Amino acid sequence: MSEPGDDDLEGFEEEYDEHREALFDLITDYAEENEVDDAFLTGLLLDLAVTLRMMLYANSMEKPSSSGLKLELDRFLKDAGDHVREVKKGADEFIADIKAAREADSEAQ
């Protein structure tokens, strides 16, 4: 039996994954077509993420302030750090998947 909210969480995860995959495809296609270096691209994406968070704050407040924005950016930094810590837990699996994909590519050639 599922817990209350499990269906909502599953639906959210499916929608999140769908959007994440679509955006990833759009961004990687753009980078490939425009010969954008991977390291440069990650910097651009980080800049965009911060800018979007700043805009979210400014547009959601009746009276935005610089001190409020700074607090929001502190929360964003914490969220980003939490996300990186969570992703690091899957580092072994990620690298194993990459190695397996490379091996499969080399065998196919």
C-alpha atoms as a PDB file:
ATOM      1  CA  MET A   1       0.000   0.000   0.000  1.00  0.00           C
ATOM      2  CA  SER A   2       1.382   3.390  -0.895  1.00  0.00           C
ATOM      3  CA  GLU A   3       1.792   6.133   1.654  1.00  0.00           C
ATOM      4  CA  PRO A   4      -0.170   9.366   1.248  1.00  0.00           C
ATOM      5  CA  GLY A   5       1.721  11.570  -1.139  1.00  0.00           C
ATOM      6  CA  ASP A   6       3.610   8.720  -2.848  1.00  0.00           C
ATOM      7  CA  ASP A   7       1.610   9.201  -6.048  1.00  0.00           C
ATOM      8  CA  ASP A   8       2.278  12.940  -5.925  1.00  0.00           C
ATOM      9  CA  LEU A   9       6.001  12.330  -5.426  1.00  0.00           C
ATOM     10  CA  GLU A  10       6.108   9.770  -8.233  1.00  0.00           C
ATOM     11  CA  GLY A  11       4.308  12.166 -10.558  1.00  0.00           C
ATOM     12  CA  PHE A  12       6.695  14.955  -9.606  1.00  0.00           C
ATOM     13  CA  GLU A  13       9.730  12.729 -10.217  1.00  0.00           C
ATOM     14  CA  GLU A  14       8.423  11.692 -13.636  1.00  0.00           C
ATOM     15  CA  GLU A  15       7.730  15.299 -14.631  1.00  0.00           C
ATOM     16  CA  TYR A  16      11.106  16.428 -13.263  1.00  0.00           C
ATOM     17  CA  ASP A  17      12.958  13.716 -15.196  1.00  0.00           C
ATOM     18  CA  GLU A  18      11.049  14.545 -18.378  1.00  0.00           C
ATOM     19  CA  HIS A  19      11.906  18.243 -18.165  1.00  0.00           C
ATOM     20  CA  ARG A  20      15.491  17.539 -17.116  1.00  0.00           C
ATOM     21  CA  GLU A  21      16.047  15.241 -20.085  1.00  0.00           C
ATOM     22  CA  ALA A  22      14.461  17.692 -22.537  1.00  0.00           C
ATOM     23  CA  LEU A  23      16.537  20.612 -21.244  1.00  0.00           C
ATOM     24  CA  PHE A  24      19.691  18.491 -21.239  1.00  0.00           C
ATOM     25  CA  ASP A  25      19.085  17.564 -24.874  1.00  0.00           C
ATOM     26  CA  LEU A  26      18.417  21.183 -25.862  1.00  0.00           C
ATOM     27  CA  ILE A  27      21.501  22.462 -24.069  1.00  0.00           C
ATOM     28  CA  THR A  28      23.865  19.758 -25.294  1.00  0.00           C
ATOM     29  CA  ASP A  29      22.581  20.143 -28.861  1.00  0.00           C
ATOM     30  CA  TYR A  30      23.132  23.905 -28.649  1.00  0.00           C
ATOM     31  CA  ALA A  31      26.618  23.438 -27.219  1.00  0.00           C
ATOM     32  CA  GLU A  32      27.525  20.940 -29.920  1.00  0.00           C
ATOM     33  CA  GLU A  33      26.150  23.086 -32.755  1.00  0.00           C
ATOM     34  CA  ASN A  34      27.952  26.182 -31.448  1.00  0.00           C
ATOM     35  CA  GLU A  35      31.142  24.385 -30.372  1.00  0.00           C
ATOM     36  CA  VAL A  36      30.801  25.524 -26.769  1.00  0.00           C
ATOM     37  CA  ASP A  37      33.470  23.978 -24.545  1.00  0.00           C
ATOM     38  CA  ASP A  38      32.074  21.772 -21.748  1.00  0.00           C
ATOM     39  CA  ALA A  39      33.832  23.718 -18.978  1.00  0.00           C
ATOM     40  CA  PHE A  40      32.613  27.016 -20.448  1.00  0.00           C
ATOM     41  CA  LEU A  41      29.100  25.583 -20.698  1.00  0.00           C
ATOM     42  CA  THR A  42      29.003  24.602 -17.021  1.00  0.00           C
ATOM     43  CA  GLY A  43      29.987  28.145 -16.071  1.00  0.00           C
ATOM     44  CA  LEU A  44      27.239  29.556 -18.276  1.00  0.00           C
ATOM     45  CA  LEU A  45      24.683  27.202 -16.763  1.00  0.00           C
ATOM     46  CA  LEU A  46      25.742  28.089 -13.219  1.00  0.00           C
ATOM     47  CA  ASP A  47      25.447  31.787 -14.076  1.00  0.00           C
ATOM     48  CA  LEU A  48      21.980  31.179 -15.539  1.00  0.00           C
ATOM     49  CA  ALA A  49      20.874  29.204 -12.483  1.00  0.00           C
ATOM     50  CA  VAL A  50      21.947  31.990 -10.126  1.00  0.00           C
ATOM     51  CA  THR A  51      20.345  34.649 -12.313  1.00  0.00           C
ATOM     52  CA  LEU A  52      17.081  32.704 -12.462  1.00  0.00           C
ATOM     53  CA  ARG A  53      17.081  32.335  -8.670  1.00  0.00           C
ATOM     54  CA  MET A  54      17.657  36.086  -8.317  1.00  0.00           C
ATOM     55  CA  MET A  55      14.774  36.804 -10.696  1.00  0.00           C
ATOM     56  CA  LEU A  56      12.545  34.344  -8.821  1.00  0.00           C
ATOM     57  CA  TYR A  57      13.239  36.205  -5.590  1.00  0.00           C
ATOM     58  CA  ALA A  58      12.725  39.674  -7.083  1.00  0.00           C
ATOM     59  CA  ASN A  59       9.507  38.705  -8.860  1.00  0.00           C
ATOM     60  CA  SER A  60       8.023  36.895  -5.861  1.00  0.00           C
ATOM     61  CA  MET A  61       8.493  39.719  -3.342  1.00  0.00           C
ATOM     62  CA  GLU A  62       6.268  42.749  -3.069  1.00  0.00           C
ATOM     63  CA  LYS A  63       9.223  44.798  -1.821  1.00  0.00           C
ATOM     64  CA  PRO A  64      12.462  43.002  -2.764  1.00  0.00           C
ATOM     65  CA  SER A  65      15.605  44.160  -1.007  1.00  0.00           C
ATOM     66  CA  SER A  66      19.307  43.573  -1.417  1.00  0.00           C
ATOM     67  CA  SER A  67      19.481  41.977   2.044  1.00  0.00           C
ATOM     68  CA  GLY A  68      16.583  39.683   1.145  1.00  0.00           C
ATOM     69  CA  LEU A  69      18.290  38.774  -2.127  1.00  0.00           C
ATOM     70  CA  LYS A  70      21.502  37.974  -0.274  1.00  0.00           C
ATOM     71  CA  LEU A  71      19.581  35.660   2.075  1.00  0.00           C
ATOM     72  CA  GLU A  72      17.936  34.001  -0.919  1.00  0.00           C
ATOM     73  CA  LEU A  73      21.345  33.472  -2.516  1.00  0.00           C
ATOM     74  CA  ASP A  74      22.586  31.949   0.756  1.00  0.00           C
ATOM     75  CA  ARG A  75      19.642  29.516   0.618  1.00  0.00           C
ATOM     76  CA  PHE A  76      20.474  28.753  -3.006  1.00  0.00           C
ATOM     77  CA  LEU A  77      24.100  28.062  -2.068  1.00  0.00           C
ATOM     78  CA  LYS A  78      22.934  25.667   0.649  1.00  0.00           C
ATOM     79  CA  ASP A  79      20.544  23.939  -1.792  1.00  0.00           C
ATOM     80  CA  ALA A  80      23.335  23.615  -4.364  1.00  0.00           C
ATOM     81  CA  GLY A  81      25.727  22.212  -1.757  1.00  0.00           C
ATOM     82  CA  ASP A  82      23.100  19.723  -0.575  1.00  0.00           C
ATOM     83  CA  HIS A  83      22.524  18.647  -4.172  1.00  0.00           C
ATOM     84  CA  VAL A  84      26.239  18.130  -4.851  1.00  0.00           C
ATOM     85  CA  ARG A  85      26.622  16.115  -1.637  1.00  0.00           C
ATOM     86  CA  GLU A  86      23.695  13.917  -2.694  1.00  0.00           C
ATOM     87  CA  VAL A  87      25.077  13.428  -6.204  1.00  0.00           C
ATOM     88  CA  LYS A  88      28.493  12.477  -4.815  1.00  0.00           C
ATOM     89  CA  LYS A  89      26.858   9.446  -3.195  1.00  0.00           C
ATOM     90  CA  GLY A  90      26.286   8.047  -6.696  1.00  0.00           C
ATOM     91  CA  ALA A  91      29.794   8.789  -7.995  1.00  0.00           C
ATOM     92  CA  ASP A  92      30.868   5.130  -8.137  1.00  0.00           C
ATOM     93  CA  GLU A  93      27.786   4.133 -10.121  1.00  0.00           C
ATOM     94  CA  PHE A  94      28.138   7.115 -12.471  1.00  0.00           C
ATOM     95  CA  ILE A  95      31.764   6.316 -13.294  1.00  0.00           C
ATOM     96  CA  ALA A  96      30.964   2.619 -13.744  1.00  0.00           C
ATOM     97  CA  ASP A  97      28.188   3.542 -16.195  1.00  0.00           C
ATOM     98  CA  ILE A  98      30.521   5.856 -18.143  1.00  0.00           C
ATOM     99  CA  LYS A  99      33.213   3.166 -18.341  1.00  0.00           C
ATOM    100  CA  ALA A 100      30.677   0.576 -19.508  1.00  0.00           C
ATOM    101  CA  ALA A 101      29.349   2.940 -22.183  1.00  0.00           C
ATOM    102  CA  ARG A 102      32.871   3.682 -23.430  1.00  0.00           C
ATOM    103  CA  GLU A 103      33.687  -0.016 -23.549  1.00  0.00           C
ATOM    104  CA  ALA A 104      30.498  -0.755 -25.485  1.00  0.00           C
ATOM    105  CA  ASP A 105      31.347   2.051 -27.950  1.00  0.00           C
ATOM    106  CA  SER A 106      34.867   0.743 -28.504  1.00  0.00           C
ATOM    107  CA  GLU A 107      33.583  -2.801 -29.071  1.00  0.00           C
ATOM    108  CA  ALA A 108      31.003  -1.546 -31.581  1.00  0.00           C
ATOM    109  CA  GLN A 109      33.738   0.082 -33.678  1.00  0.00           C
END
